[in-house]
Amino acid sequence: RLAPLRLDLAGIAKGFGVDELAREMRAAGLSSWLVGIDGEMRAEGQKPDGRPWTVAHERPSAGERDIIGVLELSGAAVATSGTYRHRVEVAGRVLSHTMDPARGAPLENDLCAVTVLGETCMAADAWATALLVRGASEGPALARRLGLAALFVRADGAVEATWSLAPPPEMATAPMGDPYTA
């Protein structure tokens, strides 16, 4: 007899929703738009003034909001997973809402946030969560091996990217790979 299994799709739900919004925008015949759900974003075309869509990349902090840089998006999606916003305090300890599947407990590692840039928001969302769970020692190497455009922000504030904060057009639309086989 198998133990009960629970599947939590929260790691891809917002990304899926953004991709569905994008599908609706295209179905409506729109060629330029920016859609987002709670920070997961996808863009096509340009703003009405002809400039690219821009998205601020937030510096992870439980306090004041600050930005690391600005991404220009067109034909691309961006998603961030982090441990700095959705937290809970239990018995005097602040715990992440992201679970570490290896421990079956809230995630505790040296990363505050991972942002992934890709073709679809659902894949970017899934990879951002997966890379966050892998931590600063394994996440960047995995992203490079898979050709993912990712930005890692450690708890000490150090930033490591597998792309520059002004990604070239070919990087912004590079295939994400299949999140189910990597």
N, C-alpha and C. Protein backbone atom coordinates (compact mmCIF):
# COMPACT_ATOMS: atom_id res chain seq x y z
N ARG A 1 0.84 -1.18 0.00
CA ARG A 1 0.00 0.00 0.00
C ARG A 1 0.89 1.24 0.00
N LEU A 2 0.54 2.20 -0.83
CA LEU A 2 1.31 3.43 -0.93
C LEU A 2 0.86 4.44 0.11
N ALA A 3 1.82 5.21 0.58
CA ALA A 3 1.51 6.30 1.52
C ALA A 3 0.73 7.39 0.79
N PRO A 4 -0.11 8.12 1.50
CA PRO A 4 -0.85 9.22 0.87
C PRO A 4 0.13 10.21 0.24
N LEU A 5 -0.24 10.72 -0.90
CA LEU A 5 0.60 11.67 -1.63
C LEU A 5 -0.16 12.96 -1.83
N ARG A 6 0.52 14.06 -1.63
CA ARG A 6 -0.08 15.37 -1.84
C ARG A 6 0.74 16.12 -2.86
N LEU A 7 0.10 16.70 -3.84
CA LEU A 7 0.78 17.46 -4.87
C LEU A 7 0.40 18.93 -4.72
N ASP A 8 1.38 19.78 -4.51
CA ASP A 8 1.16 21.21 -4.34
C ASP A 8 1.69 21.92 -5.57
N LEU A 9 0.80 22.53 -6.33
CA LEU A 9 1.18 23.20 -7.57
C LEU A 9 1.49 24.68 -7.38
N ALA A 10 1.64 25.12 -6.13
CA ALA A 10 1.88 26.54 -5.87
C ALA A 10 3.15 27.05 -6.55
N GLY A 11 4.14 26.18 -6.76
CA GLY A 11 5.38 26.60 -7.39
C GLY A 11 5.27 26.94 -8.86
N ILE A 12 4.13 26.62 -9.47
CA ILE A 12 3.93 26.96 -10.89
C ILE A 12 2.60 27.65 -11.16
N ALA A 13 1.75 27.77 -10.15
CA ALA A 13 0.39 28.28 -10.36
C ALA A 13 0.35 29.70 -10.90
N LYS A 14 1.13 30.61 -10.30
CA LYS A 14 1.11 31.99 -10.78
C LYS A 14 1.67 32.06 -12.20
N GLY A 15 2.74 31.32 -12.45
CA GLY A 15 3.31 31.30 -13.80
C GLY A 15 2.33 30.77 -14.82
N PHE A 16 1.60 29.71 -14.46
CA PHE A 16 0.57 29.17 -15.35
C PHE A 16 -0.50 30.22 -15.62
N GLY A 17 -0.93 30.92 -14.57
CA GLY A 17 -1.94 31.97 -14.72
C GLY A 17 -1.48 33.07 -15.65
N VAL A 18 -0.22 33.48 -15.53
CA VAL A 18 0.33 34.51 -16.41
C VAL A 18 0.34 34.01 -17.85
N ASP A 19 0.73 32.77 -18.07
CA ASP A 19 0.74 32.21 -19.43
C ASP A 19 -0.68 32.15 -20.01
N GLU A 20 -1.66 31.86 -19.17
CA GLU A 20 -3.06 31.85 -19.63
C GLU A 20 -3.51 33.27 -20.01
N LEU A 21 -3.11 34.26 -19.21
CA LEU A 21 -3.41 35.65 -19.57
C LEU A 21 -2.77 36.01 -20.90
N ALA A 22 -1.53 35.59 -21.11
CA ALA A 22 -0.83 35.85 -22.37
C ALA A 22 -1.58 35.21 -23.54
N ARG A 23 -2.05 33.99 -23.33
CA ARG A 23 -2.82 33.30 -24.38
C ARG A 23 -4.07 34.09 -24.73
N GLU A 24 -4.75 34.60 -23.72
CA GLU A 24 -5.96 35.40 -23.95
C GLU A 24 -5.64 36.71 -24.68
N MET A 25 -4.52 37.32 -24.35
CA MET A 25 -4.12 38.56 -25.03
C MET A 25 -3.88 38.29 -26.51
N ARG A 26 -3.19 37.20 -26.80
CA ARG A 26 -2.95 36.84 -28.20
C ARG A 26 -4.25 36.50 -28.91
N ALA A 27 -5.13 35.76 -28.23
CA ALA A 27 -6.42 35.39 -28.82
C ALA A 27 -7.26 36.62 -29.13
N ALA A 28 -7.08 37.68 -28.35
CA ALA A 28 -7.81 38.93 -28.58
C ALA A 28 -7.17 39.76 -29.69
N GLY A 29 -6.08 39.26 -30.26
CA GLY A 29 -5.43 39.96 -31.36
C GLY A 29 -4.45 41.05 -30.93
N LEU A 30 -4.12 41.07 -29.66
CA LEU A 30 -3.19 42.10 -29.17
C LEU A 30 -1.75 41.64 -29.40
N SER A 31 -0.91 42.56 -29.84
CA SER A 31 0.48 42.22 -30.12
C SER A 31 1.46 42.85 -29.14
N SER A 32 1.01 43.79 -28.34
CA SER A 32 1.88 44.42 -27.34
C SER A 32 1.16 44.46 -26.01
N TRP A 33 1.75 43.85 -24.99
CA TRP A 33 1.14 43.80 -23.67
C TRP A 33 2.15 43.36 -22.64
N LEU A 34 1.83 43.65 -21.39
CA LEU A 34 2.57 43.18 -20.23
C LEU A 34 1.53 42.68 -19.24
N VAL A 35 1.66 41.42 -18.82
CA VAL A 35 0.72 40.86 -17.85
C VAL A 35 1.51 40.30 -16.68
N GLY A 36 0.86 40.26 -15.52
CA GLY A 36 1.54 39.73 -14.35
C GLY A 36 0.58 39.34 -13.26
N ILE A 37 1.04 38.44 -12.42
CA ILE A 37 0.31 38.04 -11.22
C ILE A 37 1.34 38.00 -10.09
N ASP A 38 1.17 38.88 -9.13
CA ASP A 38 2.01 38.90 -7.92
C ASP A 38 3.50 38.83 -8.23
N GLY A 39 3.94 39.60 -9.23
CA GLY A 39 5.36 39.68 -9.55
C GLY A 39 5.85 38.76 -10.65
N GLU A 40 5.08 37.76 -11.03
CA GLU A 40 5.44 36.91 -12.16
C GLU A 40 4.92 37.64 -13.40
N MET A 41 5.80 37.88 -14.39
CA MET A 41 5.45 38.76 -15.51
C MET A 41 5.77 38.11 -16.85
N ARG A 42 5.02 38.55 -17.86
CA ARG A 42 5.29 38.13 -19.23
C ARG A 42 4.94 39.30 -20.14
N ALA A 43 5.79 39.53 -21.15
CA ALA A 43 5.58 40.68 -22.03
C ALA A 43 5.75 40.28 -23.49
N GLU A 44 5.08 41.04 -24.32
CA GLU A 44 5.17 40.88 -25.77
C GLU A 44 5.16 42.27 -26.38
N GLY A 45 5.92 42.47 -27.44
CA GLY A 45 5.92 43.76 -28.13
C GLY A 45 6.56 44.86 -27.29
N GLN A 46 6.03 46.08 -27.48
CA GLN A 46 6.58 47.25 -26.80
C GLN A 46 5.47 48.07 -26.18
N LYS A 47 5.87 49.02 -25.31
CA LYS A 47 4.92 49.96 -24.75
C LYS A 47 4.41 50.86 -25.87
N PRO A 48 3.27 51.54 -25.66
CA PRO A 48 2.71 52.40 -26.70
C PRO A 48 3.68 53.47 -27.22
N ASP A 49 4.64 53.89 -26.38
CA ASP A 49 5.60 54.91 -26.83
C ASP A 49 6.77 54.31 -27.60
N GLY A 50 6.74 52.98 -27.84
CA GLY A 50 7.79 52.33 -28.62
C GLY A 50 8.96 51.83 -27.79
N ARG A 51 8.99 52.16 -26.52
CA ARG A 51 10.07 51.69 -25.66
C ARG A 51 9.75 50.28 -25.16
N PRO A 52 10.78 49.54 -24.74
CA PRO A 52 10.53 48.18 -24.24
C PRO A 52 9.78 48.20 -22.91
N TRP A 53 9.09 47.12 -22.63
CA TRP A 53 8.49 46.94 -21.31
C TRP A 53 9.62 46.79 -20.32
N THR A 54 9.52 47.43 -19.18
CA THR A 54 10.56 47.32 -18.17
C THR A 54 9.96 46.80 -16.87
N VAL A 55 10.72 45.95 -16.21
CA VAL A 55 10.30 45.35 -14.95
C VAL A 55 11.45 45.52 -13.96
N ALA A 56 11.16 46.12 -12.82
CA ALA A 56 12.19 46.29 -11.79
C ALA A 56 12.44 44.95 -11.11
N HIS A 57 13.71 44.67 -10.87
CA HIS A 57 14.07 43.47 -10.12
C HIS A 57 14.32 43.90 -8.69
N GLU A 58 13.46 43.45 -7.79
CA GLU A 58 13.49 43.88 -6.40
C GLU A 58 14.62 43.21 -5.62
N ARG A 59 15.28 44.01 -4.78
CA ARG A 59 16.28 43.46 -3.86
C ARG A 59 15.52 42.82 -2.70
N PRO A 60 15.78 41.54 -2.42
CA PRO A 60 15.07 40.87 -1.34
C PRO A 60 15.31 41.55 0.00
N SER A 61 14.23 41.91 0.64
CA SER A 61 14.31 42.55 1.95
C SER A 61 12.94 42.47 2.60
N ALA A 62 12.92 42.18 3.87
CA ALA A 62 11.65 42.14 4.59
C ALA A 62 11.18 43.55 4.92
N GLY A 63 12.06 44.51 4.79
CA GLY A 63 11.72 45.90 5.13
C GLY A 63 11.44 46.74 3.90
N GLU A 64 12.22 47.82 3.75
CA GLU A 64 12.01 48.75 2.64
C GLU A 64 12.24 48.08 1.30
N ARG A 65 11.55 48.57 0.29
CA ARG A 65 11.72 48.03 -1.06
C ARG A 65 12.81 48.80 -1.79
N ASP A 66 13.65 48.06 -2.49
CA ASP A 66 14.76 48.61 -3.25
C ASP A 66 14.91 47.72 -4.49
N ILE A 67 15.58 48.23 -5.52
CA ILE A 67 15.75 47.41 -6.71
C ILE A 67 17.22 47.12 -6.98
N ILE A 68 17.46 45.95 -7.56
CA ILE A 68 18.80 45.55 -7.98
C ILE A 68 19.07 46.09 -9.37
N GLY A 69 18.07 46.01 -10.24
CA GLY A 69 18.22 46.43 -11.62
C GLY A 69 16.88 46.38 -12.32
N VAL A 70 16.92 46.66 -13.60
CA VAL A 70 15.70 46.69 -14.41
C VAL A 70 15.89 45.75 -15.60
N LEU A 71 14.87 44.93 -15.84
CA LEU A 71 14.87 44.02 -16.99
C LEU A 71 13.99 44.60 -18.08
N GLU A 72 14.43 44.48 -19.32
CA GLU A 72 13.59 44.82 -20.46
C GLU A 72 13.03 43.51 -20.99
N LEU A 73 11.70 43.44 -21.09
CA LEU A 73 11.05 42.20 -21.51
C LEU A 73 10.29 42.39 -22.81
N SER A 74 10.45 41.46 -23.72
CA SER A 74 9.62 41.37 -24.91
C SER A 74 9.75 39.94 -25.42
N GLY A 75 8.63 39.27 -25.55
CA GLY A 75 8.66 37.87 -25.95
C GLY A 75 9.29 36.99 -24.89
N ALA A 76 9.16 37.41 -23.64
CA ALA A 76 9.81 36.67 -22.55
C ALA A 76 8.99 36.79 -21.27
N ALA A 77 9.33 35.94 -20.32
CA ALA A 77 8.67 35.93 -19.01
C ALA A 77 9.73 35.98 -17.93
N VAL A 78 9.33 36.43 -16.75
CA VAL A 78 10.24 36.47 -15.61
C VAL A 78 9.46 36.05 -14.36
N ALA A 79 10.11 35.23 -13.53
CA ALA A 79 9.48 34.78 -12.29
C ALA A 79 10.54 34.75 -11.19
N THR A 80 10.11 35.07 -9.98
CA THR A 80 11.00 35.06 -8.83
C THR A 80 10.41 34.21 -7.72
N SER A 81 11.26 33.41 -7.09
CA SER A 81 10.88 32.68 -5.88
C SER A 81 11.82 33.15 -4.79
N GLY A 82 11.26 33.38 -3.61
CA GLY A 82 12.09 33.89 -2.53
C GLY A 82 11.58 33.45 -1.17
N THR A 83 12.41 33.73 -0.18
CA THR A 83 12.08 33.37 1.20
C THR A 83 11.83 34.60 2.05
N TYR A 84 11.80 35.78 1.45
CA TYR A 84 11.78 37.03 2.21
C TYR A 84 10.41 37.67 2.36
N ARG A 85 9.41 37.26 1.65
CA ARG A 85 8.08 37.88 1.73
C ARG A 85 7.08 37.03 2.52
N HIS A 86 6.79 35.87 2.01
CA HIS A 86 5.78 34.99 2.61
C HIS A 86 6.45 34.10 3.65
N ARG A 87 6.42 34.56 4.90
CA ARG A 87 7.06 33.83 5.99
C ARG A 87 6.10 33.73 7.15
N VAL A 88 6.41 32.83 8.05
CA VAL A 88 5.60 32.68 9.25
C VAL A 88 6.54 32.51 10.44
N GLU A 89 6.12 33.03 11.59
CA GLU A 89 6.92 32.87 12.80
C GLU A 89 6.28 31.78 13.66
N VAL A 90 7.10 30.80 14.02
CA VAL A 90 6.65 29.69 14.85
C VAL A 90 7.68 29.49 15.96
N ALA A 91 7.22 29.57 17.18
CA ALA A 91 8.10 29.38 18.35
C ALA A 91 9.35 30.25 18.27
N GLY A 92 9.17 31.49 17.83
CA GLY A 92 10.28 32.43 17.77
C GLY A 92 11.18 32.29 16.56
N ARG A 93 10.89 31.35 15.67
CA ARG A 93 11.69 31.16 14.45
C ARG A 93 10.90 31.62 13.25
N VAL A 94 11.56 32.35 12.35
CA VAL A 94 10.93 32.77 11.10
C VAL A 94 11.17 31.68 10.07
N LEU A 95 10.07 31.15 9.51
CA LEU A 95 10.14 30.03 8.58
C LEU A 95 9.66 30.45 7.19
N SER A 96 10.30 29.90 6.19
CA SER A 96 9.93 30.15 4.80
C SER A 96 8.66 29.38 4.45
N HIS A 97 7.91 29.91 3.49
CA HIS A 97 6.74 29.18 2.99
C HIS A 97 7.14 28.11 1.99
N THR A 98 8.38 28.16 1.49
CA THR A 98 8.86 27.17 0.54
C THR A 98 9.38 25.96 1.30
N MET A 99 8.94 24.80 0.86
CA MET A 99 9.34 23.56 1.53
C MET A 99 10.56 22.95 0.85
N ASP A 100 11.43 22.39 1.65
CA ASP A 100 12.59 21.65 1.16
C ASP A 100 12.17 20.19 1.06
N PRO A 101 12.02 19.67 -0.15
CA PRO A 101 11.52 18.29 -0.29
C PRO A 101 12.48 17.25 0.28
N ALA A 102 13.76 17.55 0.34
CA ALA A 102 14.72 16.58 0.89
C ALA A 102 14.55 16.42 2.39
N ARG A 103 14.13 17.49 3.06
CA ARG A 103 13.97 17.44 4.52
C ARG A 103 12.51 17.34 4.95
N GLY A 104 11.59 17.67 4.05
CA GLY A 104 10.18 17.70 4.42
C GLY A 104 9.89 18.79 5.42
N ALA A 105 10.62 19.89 5.32
CA ALA A 105 10.50 21.00 6.27
C ALA A 105 10.70 22.32 5.53
N PRO A 106 10.36 23.44 6.17
CA PRO A 106 10.58 24.73 5.51
C PRO A 106 12.03 24.90 5.09
N LEU A 107 12.21 25.53 3.96
CA LEU A 107 13.53 25.75 3.36
C LEU A 107 14.41 26.61 4.25
N GLU A 108 15.61 26.15 4.48
CA GLU A 108 16.63 26.91 5.20
C GLU A 108 17.92 26.78 4.42
N ASN A 109 18.29 27.82 3.66
CA ASN A 109 19.58 27.81 2.99
C ASN A 109 20.09 29.24 2.84
N ASP A 110 21.11 29.41 2.04
CA ASP A 110 21.80 30.68 1.94
C ASP A 110 21.26 31.61 0.86
N LEU A 111 20.12 31.29 0.25
CA LEU A 111 19.53 32.14 -0.77
C LEU A 111 18.30 32.86 -0.23
N CYS A 112 18.14 34.12 -0.67
CA CYS A 112 16.91 34.88 -0.37
C CYS A 112 15.95 34.81 -1.54
N ALA A 113 16.50 34.79 -2.77
CA ALA A 113 15.63 34.83 -3.95
C ALA A 113 16.37 34.32 -5.18
N VAL A 114 15.58 33.77 -6.10
CA VAL A 114 16.07 33.38 -7.41
C VAL A 114 15.07 33.88 -8.44
N THR A 115 15.57 34.56 -9.45
CA THR A 115 14.74 35.04 -10.56
C THR A 115 15.18 34.31 -11.82
N VAL A 116 14.21 33.85 -12.60
CA VAL A 116 14.50 33.15 -13.84
C VAL A 116 13.77 33.85 -14.98
N LEU A 117 14.48 34.03 -16.07
CA LEU A 117 13.96 34.65 -17.28
C LEU A 117 13.77 33.56 -18.32
N GLY A 118 12.63 33.51 -18.99
CA GLY A 118 12.42 32.47 -19.98
C GLY A 118 11.27 32.72 -20.92
N GLU A 119 11.00 31.73 -21.73
CA GLU A 119 9.96 31.81 -22.75
C GLU A 119 8.56 31.78 -22.15
N THR A 120 8.34 30.89 -21.19
CA THR A 120 7.03 30.81 -20.55
C THR A 120 7.17 31.12 -19.07
N CYS A 121 6.13 31.69 -18.51
CA CYS A 121 6.18 32.06 -17.10
C CYS A 121 6.05 30.83 -16.21
N MET A 122 5.31 29.83 -16.63
CA MET A 122 5.17 28.64 -15.81
C MET A 122 6.52 27.94 -15.65
N ALA A 123 7.28 27.81 -16.74
CA ALA A 123 8.60 27.18 -16.64
C ALA A 123 9.54 28.04 -15.80
N ALA A 124 9.51 29.36 -16.01
CA ALA A 124 10.36 30.26 -15.22
C ALA A 124 10.01 30.15 -13.74
N ASP A 125 8.72 30.08 -13.43
CA ASP A 125 8.24 29.96 -12.06
C ASP A 125 8.73 28.65 -11.43
N ALA A 126 8.59 27.56 -12.17
CA ALA A 126 9.03 26.25 -11.67
C ALA A 126 10.53 26.24 -11.42
N TRP A 127 11.29 26.75 -12.39
CA TRP A 127 12.75 26.75 -12.24
C TRP A 127 13.20 27.68 -11.12
N ALA A 128 12.54 28.82 -10.94
CA ALA A 128 12.92 29.73 -9.86
C ALA A 128 12.79 29.03 -8.51
N THR A 129 11.70 28.30 -8.32
CA THR A 129 11.50 27.57 -7.06
C THR A 129 12.52 26.44 -6.92
N ALA A 130 12.72 25.68 -7.98
CA ALA A 130 13.67 24.56 -7.91
C ALA A 130 15.09 25.04 -7.62
N LEU A 131 15.50 26.12 -8.27
CA LEU A 131 16.85 26.64 -8.05
C LEU A 131 17.00 27.24 -6.65
N LEU A 132 15.94 27.86 -6.14
CA LEU A 132 15.95 28.38 -4.78
C LEU A 132 16.20 27.24 -3.79
N VAL A 133 15.51 26.14 -3.98
CA VAL A 133 15.65 24.99 -3.09
C VAL A 133 17.07 24.40 -3.17
N ARG A 134 17.69 24.44 -4.34
CA ARG A 134 19.04 23.89 -4.51
C ARG A 134 20.10 24.70 -3.76
N GLY A 135 19.83 25.98 -3.49
CA GLY A 135 20.77 26.80 -2.72
C GLY A 135 21.87 27.41 -3.56
N ALA A 136 22.67 28.26 -2.91
CA ALA A 136 23.72 29.02 -3.61
C ALA A 136 24.86 28.13 -4.08
N SER A 137 25.07 26.99 -3.46
CA SER A 137 26.18 26.13 -3.88
C SER A 137 25.83 25.30 -5.10
N GLU A 138 24.59 24.88 -5.26
CA GLU A 138 24.20 24.02 -6.38
C GLU A 138 23.36 24.74 -7.44
N GLY A 139 22.56 25.73 -7.05
CA GLY A 139 21.64 26.38 -7.98
C GLY A 139 22.29 27.01 -9.19
N PRO A 140 23.30 27.88 -9.02
CA PRO A 140 23.92 28.51 -10.19
C PRO A 140 24.55 27.51 -11.15
N ALA A 141 25.20 26.48 -10.63
CA ALA A 141 25.82 25.47 -11.49
C ALA A 141 24.75 24.73 -12.30
N LEU A 142 23.63 24.40 -11.66
CA LEU A 142 22.54 23.74 -12.36
C LEU A 142 21.96 24.65 -13.44
N ALA A 143 21.76 25.91 -13.11
CA ALA A 143 21.23 26.87 -14.10
C ALA A 143 22.16 26.97 -15.31
N ARG A 144 23.45 27.06 -15.06
CA ARG A 144 24.41 27.15 -16.17
C ARG A 144 24.39 25.86 -17.01
N ARG A 145 24.37 24.72 -16.33
CA ARG A 145 24.36 23.44 -17.05
C ARG A 145 23.14 23.32 -17.96
N LEU A 146 22.00 23.84 -17.49
CA LEU A 146 20.76 23.74 -18.26
C LEU A 146 20.54 24.93 -19.19
N GLY A 147 21.43 25.92 -19.15
CA GLY A 147 21.29 27.10 -20.01
C GLY A 147 20.18 28.03 -19.56
N LEU A 148 19.90 28.07 -18.26
CA LEU A 148 18.85 28.94 -17.73
C LEU A 148 19.41 30.32 -17.41
N ALA A 149 18.66 31.35 -17.73
CA ALA A 149 19.01 32.72 -17.37
C ALA A 149 18.46 32.97 -15.97
N ALA A 150 19.34 33.01 -14.97
CA ALA A 150 18.88 33.11 -13.59
C ALA A 150 19.74 34.10 -12.80
N LEU A 151 19.11 34.70 -11.80
CA LEU A 151 19.78 35.63 -10.90
C LEU A 151 19.57 35.12 -9.48
N PHE A 152 20.66 34.93 -8.74
CA PHE A 152 20.62 34.40 -7.38
C PHE A 152 21.02 35.49 -6.41
N VAL A 153 20.21 35.72 -5.38
CA VAL A 153 20.53 36.70 -4.34
C VAL A 153 20.66 35.94 -3.02
N ARG A 154 21.87 36.01 -2.46
CA ARG A 154 22.14 35.31 -1.20
C ARG A 154 21.69 36.14 -0.01
N ALA A 155 21.58 35.48 1.13
CA ALA A 155 21.16 36.14 2.36
C ALA A 155 22.11 37.26 2.76
N ASP A 156 23.39 37.14 2.39
CA ASP A 156 24.36 38.19 2.72
C ASP A 156 24.34 39.35 1.72
N GLY A 157 23.43 39.29 0.73
CA GLY A 157 23.28 40.36 -0.25
C GLY A 157 24.07 40.15 -1.53
N ALA A 158 24.96 39.17 -1.56
CA ALA A 158 25.74 38.90 -2.77
C ALA A 158 24.81 38.43 -3.89
N VAL A 159 25.14 38.85 -5.11
CA VAL A 159 24.32 38.53 -6.27
C VAL A 159 25.17 37.75 -7.27
N GLU A 160 24.62 36.68 -7.80
CA GLU A 160 25.28 35.90 -8.85
C GLU A 160 24.28 35.68 -9.96
N ALA A 161 24.71 35.95 -11.19
CA ALA A 161 23.80 35.81 -12.32
C ALA A 161 24.38 34.88 -13.37
N THR A 162 23.49 34.18 -14.04
CA THR A 162 23.89 33.41 -15.21
C THR A 162 23.55 34.21 -16.46
N TRP A 163 23.21 35.48 -16.27
CA TRP A 163 23.03 36.45 -17.35
C TRP A 163 23.36 37.81 -16.76
N SER A 164 23.58 38.81 -17.64
CA SER A 164 23.81 40.16 -17.14
C SER A 164 22.45 40.80 -16.88
N LEU A 165 22.40 41.87 -16.09
CA LEU A 165 21.12 42.51 -15.80
C LEU A 165 20.53 43.21 -17.02
N ALA A 166 21.27 43.28 -18.09
CA ALA A 166 20.74 43.76 -19.37
C ALA A 166 20.94 42.63 -20.36
N PRO A 167 20.10 41.57 -20.28
CA PRO A 167 20.34 40.38 -21.10
C PRO A 167 20.21 40.69 -22.58
N PRO A 168 21.09 40.10 -23.39
CA PRO A 168 20.95 40.28 -24.83
C PRO A 168 19.65 39.65 -25.30
N PRO A 169 19.09 40.13 -26.43
CA PRO A 169 17.81 39.60 -26.91
C PRO A 169 17.79 38.08 -27.04
N GLU A 170 18.89 37.49 -27.49
CA GLU A 170 18.89 36.04 -27.66
C GLU A 170 18.78 35.31 -26.33
N MET A 171 19.26 35.92 -25.23
CA MET A 171 19.15 35.31 -23.91
C MET A 171 17.73 35.45 -23.38
N ALA A 172 17.11 36.59 -23.66
CA ALA A 172 15.76 36.84 -23.13
C ALA A 172 14.74 35.87 -23.69
N THR A 173 15.00 35.32 -24.85
CA THR A 173 14.03 34.42 -25.45
C THR A 173 14.60 33.01 -25.62
N ALA A 174 15.70 32.72 -24.93
CA ALA A 174 16.29 31.39 -25.04
C ALA A 174 15.33 30.34 -24.48
N PRO A 175 15.29 29.15 -25.10
CA PRO A 175 14.41 28.10 -24.58
C PRO A 175 14.78 27.76 -23.14
N MET A 176 13.77 27.46 -22.35
CA MET A 176 13.98 27.17 -20.94
C MET A 176 14.34 25.71 -20.70
N GLY A 177 14.13 24.87 -21.65
CA GLY A 177 14.30 23.45 -21.39
C GLY A 177 13.02 22.90 -20.77
N ASP A 178 12.97 21.62 -20.63
CA ASP A 178 11.78 20.97 -20.08
C ASP A 178 11.95 20.78 -18.58
N PRO A 179 11.15 21.48 -17.74
CA PRO A 179 11.34 21.37 -16.30
C PRO A 179 11.06 19.98 -15.76
N TYR A 180 10.45 19.13 -16.55
CA TYR A 180 10.10 17.80 -16.07
C TYR A 180 11.19 16.77 -16.32
N THR A 181 12.22 17.12 -17.12
CA THR A 181 13.26 16.14 -17.43
C THR A 181 14.63 16.57 -16.95
N ALA A 182 14.77 17.76 -16.39
CA ALA A 182 16.11 18.23 -16.00
C ALA A 182 16.52 17.70 -14.65
